[in-house]
PDB file of N, CA and C in Angstrom:
ATOM      1  N   MET A   1     -72.994  43.118 104.739  1.00  0.00           N
ATOM      2  CA  MET A   1     -72.248  44.056 103.915  1.00  0.00           C
ATOM      3  C   MET A   1     -72.938  44.213 102.550  1.00  0.00           C
ATOM      4  N   VAL A   2     -72.943  45.427 102.094  1.00  0.00           N
ATOM      5  CA  VAL A   2     -73.520  45.717 100.789  1.00  0.00           C
ATOM      6  C   VAL A   2     -72.398  45.725  99.760  1.00  0.00           C
ATOM      7  N   LYS A   3     -72.656  45.108  98.623  1.00  0.00           N
ATOM      8  CA  LYS A   3     -71.654  45.056  97.564  1.00  0.00           C
ATOM      9  C   LYS A   3     -71.432  46.447  96.969  1.00  0.00           C
ATOM     10  N   ALA A   4     -70.184  46.734  96.613  1.00  0.00           N
ATOM     11  CA  ALA A   4     -69.868  48.013  95.975  1.00  0.00           C
ATOM     12  C   ALA A   4     -70.482  48.045  94.585  1.00  0.00           C
ATOM     13  N   PRO A   5     -71.029  49.195  94.174  1.00  0.00           N
ATOM     14  CA  PRO A   5     -71.634  49.277  92.846  1.00  0.00           C
ATOM     15  C   PRO A   5     -70.583  49.168  91.747  1.00  0.00           C
ATOM     16  N   ARG A   6     -70.971  48.595  90.646  1.00  0.00           N
ATOM     17  CA  ARG A   6     -70.065  48.424  89.507  1.00  0.00           C
ATOM     18  C   ARG A   6     -70.659  49.067  88.258  1.00  0.00           C
ATOM     19  N   GLY A   7     -71.071  50.310  88.382  1.00  0.00           N
ATOM     20  CA  GLY A   7     -71.665  51.006  87.253  1.00  0.00           C
ATOM     21  C   GLY A   7     -70.630  51.435  86.233  1.00  0.00           C
ATOM     22  N   TYR A   8     -71.106  52.089  85.206  1.00  0.00           N
ATOM     23  CA  TYR A   8     -70.244  52.506  84.096  1.00  0.00           C
ATOM     24  C   TYR A   8     -69.199  53.518  84.540  1.00  0.00           C
ATOM     25  N   ARG A   9     -69.529  54.326  85.551  1.00  0.00           N
ATOM     26  CA  ARG A   9     -68.593  55.360  86.007  1.00  0.00           C
ATOM     27  C   ARG A   9     -68.068  55.079  87.407  1.00  0.00           C
ATOM     28  N   ASN A  10     -68.009  53.813  87.818  1.00  0.00           N
ATOM     29  CA  ASN A  10     -67.549  53.534  89.169  1.00  0.00           C
ATOM     30  C   ASN A  10     -66.064  53.842  89.315  1.00  0.00           C
ATOM     31  N   ARG A  11     -65.682  54.352  90.476  1.00  0.00           N
ATOM     32  CA  ARG A  11     -64.305  54.715  90.818  1.00  0.00           C
ATOM     33  C   ARG A  11     -63.725  55.763  89.873  1.00  0.00           C
ATOM     34  N   THR A  12     -64.504  56.779  89.558  1.00  0.00           N
ATOM     35  CA  THR A  12     -64.034  57.820  88.639  1.00  0.00           C
ATOM     36  C   THR A  12     -63.940  59.176  89.323  1.00  0.00           C
ATOM     37  N   ARG A  13     -63.968  59.217  90.643  1.00  0.00           N
ATOM     38  CA  ARG A  13     -63.976  60.504  91.330  1.00  0.00           C
ATOM     39  C   ARG A  13     -62.751  61.342  90.963  1.00  0.00           C
ATOM     40  N   LYS A  14     -61.581  60.722  90.913  1.00  0.00           N
ATOM     41  CA  LYS A  14     -60.358  61.462  90.584  1.00  0.00           C
ATOM     42  C   LYS A  14     -60.158  61.583  89.074  1.00  0.00           C
ATOM     43  N   VAL A  15     -60.536  60.537  88.352  1.00  0.00           N
ATOM     44  CA  VAL A  15     -60.264  60.495  86.911  1.00  0.00           C
ATOM     45  C   VAL A  15     -61.128  61.498  86.159  1.00  0.00           C
ATOM     46  N   LEU A  16     -62.428  61.527  86.468  1.00  0.00           N
ATOM     47  CA  LEU A  16     -63.352  62.396  85.743  1.00  0.00           C
ATOM     48  C   LEU A  16     -63.663  63.623  86.585  1.00  0.00           C
ATOM     49  N   ARG A  17     -62.724  64.520  86.701  1.00  0.00           N
ATOM     50  CA  ARG A  17     -63.000  65.774  87.384  1.00  0.00           C
ATOM     51  C   ARG A  17     -62.278  66.886  86.643  1.00  0.00           C
ATOM     52  N   LYS A  18     -62.824  68.083  86.763  1.00  0.00           N
ATOM     53  CA  LYS A  18     -62.244  69.226  86.091  1.00  0.00           C
ATOM     54  C   LYS A  18     -61.213  69.902  86.983  1.00  0.00           C
ATOM     55  N   HIS A  19     -60.335  70.635  86.355  1.00  0.00           N
ATOM     56  CA  HIS A  19     -59.399  71.478  87.096  1.00  0.00           C
ATOM     57  C   HIS A  19     -60.223  72.559  87.795  1.00  0.00           C
ATOM     58  N   ILE A  20     -59.756  73.075  88.908  1.00  0.00           N
ATOM     59  CA  ILE A  20     -60.545  73.991  89.733  1.00  0.00           C
ATOM     60  C   ILE A  20     -61.002  75.229  88.951  1.00  0.00           C
ATOM     61  N   ARG A  21     -60.196  75.728  88.044  1.00  0.00           N
ATOM     62  CA  ARG A  21     -60.563  76.931  87.284  1.00  0.00           C
ATOM     63  C   ARG A  21     -61.437  76.631  86.076  1.00  0.00           C
ATOM     64  N   GLU A  22     -61.653  75.373  85.769  1.00  0.00           N
ATOM     65  CA  GLU A  22     -62.523  74.993  84.652  1.00  0.00           C
ATOM     66  C   GLU A  22     -63.918  74.625  85.129  1.00  0.00           C
ATOM     67  N   ARG A  23     -64.124  74.575  86.442  1.00  0.00           N
ATOM     68  CA  ARG A  23     -65.384  74.065  86.958  1.00  0.00           C
ATOM     69  C   ARG A  23     -66.569  74.921  86.527  1.00  0.00           C
ATOM     70  N   GLY A  24     -67.638  74.241  86.127  1.00  0.00           N
ATOM     71  CA  GLY A  24     -68.864  74.910  85.746  1.00  0.00           C
ATOM     72  C   GLY A  24     -68.849  75.499  84.357  1.00  0.00           C
ATOM     73  N   ALA A  25     -67.686  75.556  83.749  1.00  0.00           N
ATOM     74  CA  ALA A  25     -67.591  76.177  82.425  1.00  0.00           C
ATOM     75  C   ALA A  25     -68.031  75.189  81.356  1.00  0.00           C
ATOM     76  N   ILE A  26     -68.766  75.693  80.372  1.00  0.00           N
ATOM     77  CA  ILE A  26     -69.095  74.863  79.225  1.00  0.00           C
ATOM     78  C   ILE A  26     -67.835  74.771  78.376  1.00  0.00           C
ATOM     79  N   PRO A  27     -67.708  73.734  77.551  1.00  0.00           N
ATOM     80  CA  PRO A  27     -66.482  73.633  76.757  1.00  0.00           C
ATOM     81  C   PRO A  27     -66.401  74.776  75.756  1.00  0.00           C
ATOM     82  N   PRO A  28     -65.208  75.302  75.521  1.00  0.00           N
ATOM     83  CA  PRO A  28     -65.085  76.398  74.564  1.00  0.00           C
ATOM     84  C   PRO A  28     -65.495  75.948  73.164  1.00  0.00           C
ATOM     85  N   LEU A  29     -66.152  76.830  72.439  1.00  0.00           N
ATOM     86  CA  LEU A  29     -66.621  76.504  71.095  1.00  0.00           C
ATOM     87  C   LEU A  29     -65.470  76.162  70.164  1.00  0.00           C
ATOM     88  N   SER A  30     -64.296  76.727  70.434  1.00  0.00           N
ATOM     89  CA  SER A  30     -63.151  76.444  69.572  1.00  0.00           C
ATOM     90  C   SER A  30     -62.802  74.954  69.589  1.00  0.00           C
ATOM     91  N   LEU A  31     -63.053  74.266  70.706  1.00  0.00           N
ATOM     92  CA  LEU A  31     -62.770  72.833  70.762  1.00  0.00           C
ATOM     93  C   LEU A  31     -63.868  72.012  70.102  1.00  0.00           C
ATOM     94  N   ILE A  32     -65.105  72.472  70.225  1.00  0.00           N
ATOM     95  CA  ILE A  32     -66.220  71.722  69.639  1.00  0.00           C
ATOM     96  C   ILE A  32     -66.247  71.877  68.121  1.00  0.00           C
ATOM     97  N   MET A  33     -65.806  73.033  67.636  1.00  0.00           N
ATOM     98  CA  MET A  33     -65.904  73.330  66.213  1.00  0.00           C
ATOM     99  C   MET A  33     -64.775  72.718  65.376  1.00  0.00           C
ATOM    100  N   ILE A  34     -63.801  72.092  66.011  1.00  0.00           N
ATOM    101  CA  ILE A  34     -62.696  71.498  65.253  1.00  0.00           C
ATOM    102  C   ILE A  34     -63.236  70.343  64.418  1.00  0.00           C
ATOM    103  N   GLU A  35     -62.933  70.356  63.140  1.00  0.00           N
ATOM    104  CA  GLU A  35     -63.330  69.268  62.249  1.00  0.00           C
ATOM    105  C   GLU A  35     -62.157  68.313  62.114  1.00  0.00           C
ATOM    106  N   TYR A  36     -62.329  67.092  62.584  1.00  0.00           N
ATOM    107  CA  TYR A  36     -61.284  66.080  62.462  1.00  0.00           C
ATOM    108  C   TYR A  36     -61.508  65.296  61.186  1.00  0.00           C
ATOM    109  N   LYS A  37     -60.423  64.951  60.523  1.00  0.00           N
ATOM    110  CA  LYS A  37     -60.492  64.174  59.288  1.00  0.00           C
ATOM    111  C   LYS A  37     -59.983  62.758  59.572  1.00  0.00           C
ATOM    112  N   PRO A  38     -60.391  61.784  58.779  1.00  0.00           N
ATOM    113  CA  PRO A  38     -59.860  60.428  58.975  1.00  0.00           C
ATOM    114  C   PRO A  38     -58.331  60.442  58.904  1.00  0.00           C
ATOM    115  N   GLY A  39     -57.724  59.801  59.876  1.00  0.00           N
ATOM    116  CA  GLY A  39     -56.266  59.770  59.965  1.00  0.00           C
ATOM    117  C   GLY A  39     -55.704  60.724  60.992  1.00  0.00           C
ATOM    118  N   ASP A  40     -56.528  61.676  61.478  1.00  0.00           N
ATOM    119  CA  ASP A  40     -56.058  62.621  62.500  1.00  0.00           C
ATOM    120  C   ASP A  40     -55.882  61.906  63.833  1.00  0.00           C
ATOM    121  N   LYS A  41     -54.832  62.288  64.552  1.00  0.00           N
ATOM    122  CA  LYS A  41     -54.591  61.747  65.889  1.00  0.00           C
ATOM    123  C   LYS A  41     -55.277  62.646  66.911  1.00  0.00           C
ATOM    124  N   VAL A  42     -55.934  62.042  67.896  1.00  0.00           N
ATOM    125  CA  VAL A  42     -56.646  62.803  68.922  1.00  0.00           C
ATOM    126  C   VAL A  42     -56.351  62.219  70.298  1.00  0.00           C
ATOM    127  N   TYR A  43     -56.368  63.090  71.317  1.00  0.00           N
ATOM    128  CA  TYR A  43     -56.313  62.662  72.708  1.00  0.00           C
ATOM    129  C   TYR A  43     -57.742  62.490  73.196  1.00  0.00           C
ATOM    130  N   ILE A  44     -57.971  61.483  74.002  1.00  0.00           N
ATOM    131  CA  ILE A  44     -59.288  61.287  74.600  1.00  0.00           C
ATOM    132  C   ILE A  44     -59.241  61.890  75.994  1.00  0.00           C
ATOM    133  N   LYS A  45     -59.953  63.005  76.152  1.00  0.00           N
ATOM    134  CA  LYS A  45     -59.992  63.729  77.424  1.00  0.00           C
ATOM    135  C   LYS A  45     -61.453  64.064  77.703  1.00  0.00           C
ATOM    136  N   PRO A  46     -62.161  63.207  78.446  1.00  0.00           N
ATOM    137  CA  PRO A  46     -63.591  63.424  78.658  1.00  0.00           C
ATOM    138  C   PRO A  46     -63.891  64.691  79.449  1.00  0.00           C
ATOM    139  N   ASN A  47     -64.971  65.342  79.064  1.00  0.00           N
ATOM    140  CA  ASN A  47     -65.491  66.483  79.807  1.00  0.00           C
ATOM    141  C   ASN A  47     -66.583  65.935  80.722  1.00  0.00           C
ATOM    142  N   PRO A  48     -66.357  65.903  82.049  1.00  0.00           N
ATOM    143  CA  PRO A  48     -67.320  65.265  82.940  1.00  0.00           C
ATOM    144  C   PRO A  48     -68.667  65.975  83.033  1.00  0.00           C
ATOM    145  N   ALA A  49     -68.745  67.217  82.568  1.00  0.00           N
ATOM    146  CA  ALA A  49     -70.018  67.944  82.622  1.00  0.00           C
ATOM    147  C   ALA A  49     -70.968  67.471  81.529  1.00  0.00           C
ATOM    148  N   ILE A  50     -70.449  66.828  80.489  1.00  0.00           N
ATOM    149  CA  ILE A  50     -71.276  66.359  79.377  1.00  0.00           C
ATOM    150  C   ILE A  50     -71.231  64.839  79.392  1.00  0.00           C
ATOM    151  N   HIS A  51     -72.358  64.207  79.729  1.00  0.00           N
ATOM    152  CA  HIS A  51     -72.384  62.765  79.887  1.00  0.00           C
ATOM    153  C   HIS A  51     -72.574  62.047  78.561  1.00  0.00           C
ATOM    154  N   GLU A  52     -73.226  62.717  77.618  1.00  0.00           N
ATOM    155  CA  GLU A  52     -73.542  62.087  76.340  1.00  0.00           C
ATOM    156  C   GLU A  52     -72.272  61.910  75.517  1.00  0.00           C
ATOM    157  N   GLY A  53     -72.101  60.749  74.924  1.00  0.00           N
ATOM    158  CA  GLY A  53     -70.970  60.506  74.041  1.00  0.00           C
ATOM    159  C   GLY A  53     -69.637  60.438  74.754  1.00  0.00           C
ATOM    160  N   MET A  54     -69.657  60.161  76.063  1.00  0.00           N
ATOM    161  CA  MET A  54     -68.404  60.097  76.830  1.00  0.00           C
ATOM    162  C   MET A  54     -67.847  58.676  76.780  1.00  0.00           C
ATOM    163  N   PRO A  55     -66.557  58.535  76.499  1.00  0.00           N
ATOM    164  CA  PRO A  55     -65.965  57.198  76.489  1.00  0.00           C
ATOM    165  C   PRO A  55     -65.768  56.663  77.909  1.00  0.00           C
ATOM    166  N   HIS A  56     -65.544  55.378  78.023  1.00  0.00           N
ATOM    167  CA  HIS A  56     -65.302  54.740  79.312  1.00  0.00           C
ATOM    168  C   HIS A  56     -64.000  55.248  79.914  1.00  0.00           C
ATOM    169  N   ARG A  57     -63.888  55.169  81.224  1.00  0.00           N
ATOM    170  CA  ARG A  57     -62.724  55.735  81.911  1.00  0.00           C
ATOM    171  C   ARG A  57     -61.428  55.035  81.565  1.00  0.00           C
ATOM    172  N   ARG A  58     -61.490  53.816  81.031  1.00  0.00           N
ATOM    173  CA  ARG A  58     -60.242  53.123  80.685  1.00  0.00           C
ATOM    174  C   ARG A  58     -59.542  53.770  79.491  1.00  0.00           C
ATOM    175  N   TYR A  59     -60.241  54.617  78.759  1.00  0.00           N
ATOM    176  CA  TYR A  59     -59.654  55.258  77.587  1.00  0.00           C
ATOM    177  C   TYR A  59     -59.139  56.671  77.866  1.00  0.00           C
ATOM    178  N   VAL A  60     -59.254  57.150  79.094  1.00  0.00           N
ATOM    179  CA  VAL A  60     -58.819  58.507  79.433  1.00  0.00           C
ATOM    180  C   VAL A  60     -57.313  58.624  79.221  1.00  0.00           C
ATOM    181  N   GLY A  61     -56.908  59.629  78.451  1.00  0.00           N
ATOM    182  CA  GLY A  61     -55.492  59.868  78.210  1.00  0.00           C
ATOM    183  C   GLY A  61     -54.920  59.114  77.032  1.00  0.00           C
ATOM    184  N   LYS A  62     -55.694  58.261  76.394  1.00  0.00           N
ATOM    185  CA  LYS A  62     -55.194  57.492  75.260  1.00  0.00           C
ATOM    186  C   LYS A  62     -55.170  58.354  74.007  1.00  0.00           C
ATOM    187  N   VAL A  63     -54.303  57.985  73.086  1.00  0.00           N
ATOM    188  CA  VAL A  63     -54.243  58.636  71.780  1.00  0.00           C
ATOM    189  C   VAL A  63     -54.903  57.694  70.785  1.00  0.00           C
ATOM    190  N   GLY A  64     -55.829  58.232  70.009  1.00  0.00           N
ATOM    191  CA  GLY A  64     -56.526  57.426  69.018  1.00  0.00           C
ATOM    192  C   GLY A  64     -56.445  58.066  67.648  1.00  0.00           C
ATOM    193  N   THR A  65     -56.928  57.340  66.659  1.00  0.00           N
ATOM    194  CA  THR A  65     -56.954  57.817  65.282  1.00  0.00           C
ATOM    195  C   THR A  65     -58.397  57.902  64.826  1.00  0.00           C
ATOM    196  N   VAL A  66     -58.770  59.033  64.267  1.00  0.00           N
ATOM    197  CA  VAL A  66     -60.127  59.207  63.741  1.00  0.00           C
ATOM    198  C   VAL A  66     -60.232  58.377  62.462  1.00  0.00           C
ATOM    199  N   ILE A  67     -61.253  57.509  62.391  1.00  0.00           N
ATOM    200  CA  ILE A  67     -61.430  56.692  61.190  1.00  0.00           C
ATOM    201  C   ILE A  67     -62.742  56.983  60.479  1.00  0.00           C
ATOM    202  N   GLY A  68     -63.590  57.805  61.090  1.00  0.00           N
ATOM    203  CA  GLY A  68     -64.854  58.115  60.441  1.00  0.00           C
ATOM    204  C   GLY A  68     -65.701  59.033  61.295  1.00  0.00           C
ATOM    205  N   LYS A  69     -66.913  59.295  60.785  1.00  0.00           N
ATOM    206  CA  LYS A  69     -67.830  60.171  61.488  1.00  0.00           C
ATOM    207  C   LYS A  69     -69.204  59.535  61.488  1.00  0.00           C
ATOM    208  N   ARG A  70     -69.935  59.726  62.577  1.00  0.00           N
ATOM    209  CA  ARG A  70     -71.301  59.210  62.679  1.00  0.00           C
ATOM    210  C   ARG A  70     -72.140  60.310  63.281  1.00  0.00           C
ATOM    211  N   GLY A  71     -72.875  61.016  62.442  1.00  0.00           N
ATOM    212  CA  GLY A  71     -73.632  62.178  62.900  1.00  0.00           C
ATOM    213  C   GLY A  71     -72.651  63.259  63.316  1.00  0.00           C
ATOM    214  N   ARG A  72     -72.799  63.734  64.558  1.00  0.00           N
ATOM    215  CA  ARG A  72     -71.885  64.742  65.087  1.00  0.00           C
ATOM    216  C   ARG A  72     -70.669  64.104  65.746  1.00  0.00           C
ATOM    217  N   ALA A  73     -70.760  62.804  66.018  1.00  0.00           N
ATOM    218  CA  ALA A  73     -69.699  62.091  66.731  1.00  0.00           C
ATOM    219  C   ALA A  73     -68.655  61.552  65.765  1.00  0.00           C
ATOM    220  N   TYR A  74     -67.507  61.200  66.340  1.00  0.00           N
ATOM    221  CA  TYR A  74     -66.408  60.641  65.562  1.00  0.00           C
ATOM    222  C   TYR A  74     -66.163  59.195  65.983  1.00  0.00           C
ATOM    223  N   ILE A  75     -65.766  58.385  65.022  1.00  0.00           N
ATOM    224  CA  ILE A  75     -65.370  57.010  65.306  1.00  0.00           C
ATOM    225  C   ILE A  75     -63.853  57.040  65.469  1.00  0.00           C
ATOM    226  N   VAL A  76     -63.385  56.658  66.655  1.00  0.00           N
ATOM    227  CA  VAL A  76     -61.970  56.741  66.988  1.00  0.00           C
ATOM    228  C   VAL A  76     -61.451  55.335  67.235  1.00  0.00           C
ATOM    229  N   GLU A  77     -60.324  55.035  66.609  1.00  0.00           N
ATOM    230  CA  GLU A  77     -59.674  53.732  66.774  1.00  0.00           C
ATOM    231  C   GLU A  77     -58.603  53.849  67.850  1.00  0.00           C
ATOM    232  N   VAL A  78     -58.692  52.977  68.863  1.00  0.00           N
ATOM    233  CA  VAL A  78     -57.764  52.996  69.992  1.00  0.00           C
ATOM    234  C   VAL A  78     -57.246  51.577  70.189  1.00  0.00           C
ATOM    235  N   TYR A  79     -55.999  51.459  70.589  1.00  0.00           N
ATOM    236  CA  TYR A  79     -55.435  50.145  70.889  1.00  0.00           C
ATOM    237  C   TYR A  79     -55.255  49.993  72.393  1.00  0.00           C
ATOM    238  N   LEU A  80     -55.748  48.878  72.929  1.00  0.00           N
ATOM    239  CA  LEU A  80     -55.525  48.492  74.316  1.00  0.00           C
ATOM    240  C   LEU A  80     -54.659  47.249  74.270  1.00  0.00           C
ATOM    241  N   GLY A  81     -53.365  47.432  74.431  1.00  0.00           N
ATOM    242  CA  GLY A  81     -52.456  46.313  74.216  1.00  0.00           C
ATOM    243  C   GLY A  81     -52.487  45.971  72.739  1.00  0.00           C
ATOM    244  N   ARG A  82     -52.850  44.727  72.429  1.00  0.00           N
ATOM    245  CA  ARG A  82     -52.960  44.331  71.017  1.00  0.00           C
ATOM    246  C   ARG A  82     -54.374  44.472  70.481  1.00  0.00           C
ATOM    247  N   LYS A  83     -55.324  44.713  71.382  1.00  0.00           N
ATOM    248  CA  LYS A  83     -56.721  44.788  70.942  1.00  0.00           C
ATOM    249  C   LYS A  83     -57.025  46.131  70.318  1.00  0.00           C
ATOM    250  N   ARG A  84     -57.744  46.102  69.214  1.00  0.00           N
ATOM    251  CA  ARG A  84     -58.162  47.312  68.514  1.00  0.00           C
ATOM    252  C   ARG A  84     -59.611  47.581  68.890  1.00  0.00           C
ATOM    253  N   LYS A  85     -59.882  48.814  69.354  1.00  0.00           N
ATOM    254  CA  LYS A  85     -61.230  49.187  69.765  1.00  0.00           C
ATOM    255  C   LYS A  85     -61.690  50.364  68.925  1.00  0.00           C
ATOM    256  N   GLU A  86     -62.979  50.387  68.626  1.00  0.00           N
ATOM    257  CA  GLU A  86     -63.582  51.526  67.932  1.00  0.00           C
ATOM    258  C   GLU A  86     -64.543  52.199  68.901  1.00  0.00           C
ATOM    259  N   LEU A  87     -64.308  53.470  69.181  1.00  0.00           N
ATOM    260  CA  LEU A  87     -65.145  54.237  70.090  1.00  0.00           C
ATOM    261  C   LEU A  87     -65.932  55.260  69.298  1.00  0.00           C
ATOM    262  N   ILE A  88     -67.145  55.518  69.723  1.00  0.00           N
ATOM    263  CA  ILE A  88     -67.951  56.588  69.145  1.00  0.00           C
ATOM    264  C   ILE A  88     -67.983  57.696  70.186  1.00  0.00           C
ATOM    265  N   VAL A  89     -67.303  58.805  69.890  1.00  0.00           N
ATOM    266  CA  VAL A  89     -67.056  59.848  70.877  1.00  0.00           C
ATOM    267  C   VAL A  89     -67.469  61.197  70.304  1.00  0.00           C
ATOM    268  N   LEU A  90     -68.134  62.017  71.130  1.00  0.00           N
ATOM    269  CA  LEU A  90     -68.475  63.372  70.714  1.00  0.00           C
ATOM    270  C   LEU A  90     -67.229  64.262  70.781  1.00  0.00           C
ATOM    271  N   PRO A  91     -67.187  65.328  69.979  1.00  0.00           N
ATOM    272  CA  PRO A  91     -65.980  66.172  69.933  1.00  0.00           C
ATOM    273  C   PRO A  91     -65.673  66.882  71.250  1.00  0.00           C
ATOM    274  N   GLU A  92     -66.632  66.995  72.172  1.00  0.00           N
ATOM    275  CA  GLU A  92     -66.359  67.621  73.455  1.00  0.00           C
ATOM    276  C   GLU A  92     -65.340  66.832  74.273  1.00  0.00           C
ATOM    277  N   HIS A  93     -65.183  65.553  73.958  1.00  0.00           N
ATOM    278  CA  HIS A  93     -64.299  64.685  74.709  1.00  0.00           C
ATOM    279  C   HIS A  93     -62.991  64.401  73.971  1.00  0.00           C
ATOM    280  N   LEU A  94     -62.725  65.150  72.899  1.00  0.00           N
ATOM    281  CA  LEU A  94     -61.508  64.954  72.105  1.00  0.00           C
ATOM    282  C   LEU A  94     -60.668  66.216  72.071  1.00  0.00           C
ATOM    283  N   ARG A  95     -59.363  66.047  71.934  1.00  0.00           N
ATOM    284  CA  ARG A  95     -58.435  67.156  71.751  1.00  0.00           C
ATOM    285  C   ARG A  95     -57.495  66.775  70.615  1.00  0.00           C
ATOM    286  N   PRO A  96     -57.104  67.719  69.773  1.00  0.00           N
ATOM    287  CA  PRO A  96     -56.147  67.365  68.718  1.00  0.00           C
ATOM    288  C   PRO A  96     -54.794  67.015  69.327  1.00  0.00           C
ATOM    289  N   ALA A  97     -54.201  65.926  68.838  1.00  0.00           N
ATOM    290  CA  ALA A  97     -52.893  65.497  69.336  1.00  0.00           C
ATOM    291  C   ALA A  97     -51.813  66.348  68.693  1.00  0.00           C
ATOM    292  N   LYS A  98     -50.811  66.661  69.465  1.00  0.00           N
ATOM    293  CA  LYS A  98     -49.699  67.448  68.951  1.00  0.00           C
ATOM    294  C   LYS A  98     -48.790  66.512  68.147  1.00  0.00           C
ATOM    295  N   THR A  99     -48.537  66.868  66.894  1.00  0.00           N
ATOM    296  CA  THR A  99     -47.719  66.011  66.049  1.00  0.00           C
ATOM    297  C   THR A  99     -46.404  66.684  65.699  1.00  0.00           C
TER     298      THR A  99
END
């Protein structure tokens, strides 16, 4: 028996997929052009067509707080239980949270 692979994106077939009407589409510029400020709440929703700057699948659907910027990417603070994590995520994988 061959061992199942344990790569960075293992078991993501359902998690990292686009809706049928979004397939093949590049992300709309309106989402990429949003400027987030420190303290803004964001949803982590990865775009599977863009591999660069994509967070791990365990963070899909989480709400985080923007705490800074690094180049074009944002530093997002997320809590997993009691643990505080800092993610470096490109804006293609973020959505503004409804407040």
